[in-house]
Amino acid sequence: MKYIGISIAVILTGLLVGFIVIFSFLPRPAESQPLEPDTQTEPTAGPVVPPLADSAGLEQDLAERETLYQAQLSQLEQTLQTRQATYQEQMALLTDQVGAAQAQLEALTTQKQTLTEQIAQLEAARTERLALYQNQRTESRSQYDARYAEIHRQLNEVLTKLAQANAQLSR
């Protein structure tokens, strides 16, 4: 996965070079030559050997092909080197991005853990304060009921004394 771009470039370049080599050995179509009247009536039995002038032309043609193939190979090598450099740069950039993403993930994981701990602490404090509030409310209610009963008793005493005082005065 790390060198997939480079591998693809090398494979494609190898295939291209292979095709060039294969097609270099294929015969070229013969150039059209003016037809000469056939002077021989009987077919020849052996292979036809080209004259020496054609050998020189053939050698020249092969030399031209060799030069062309060498130029193509050097161009392909230069393209391959350029692409490899580009792929190396891209891989370095992607590696840096992956490293930054992993660092960010680790920071977020740490932050999540910290926040989870804080939530647990806040839930515990909330539960504790709720219990304390309930206790205080119950205690306050008890004190209120006791004071209410005391005040109500005192009020009844005062009303009773007032009624007695009114009764004594009206006598």
Foldseek 3Di string as FASTA:
>chain_A
DLCVQLVVLVVVLVVVLVVLVVVLPDDDDDDDDDDDDDPDDDDDDDDDDDDPVVVVVVVVVNVVSVVVSVVVVVVSVVVSVVSVVVSVVVSVVVVVVVVVVVVVVVVVVVVVVVVVVVVVVVVVVVVVVVVVVVVVVVVVVVVVVVVVVVVVVVVVVVVVVVVVVVVVVVD
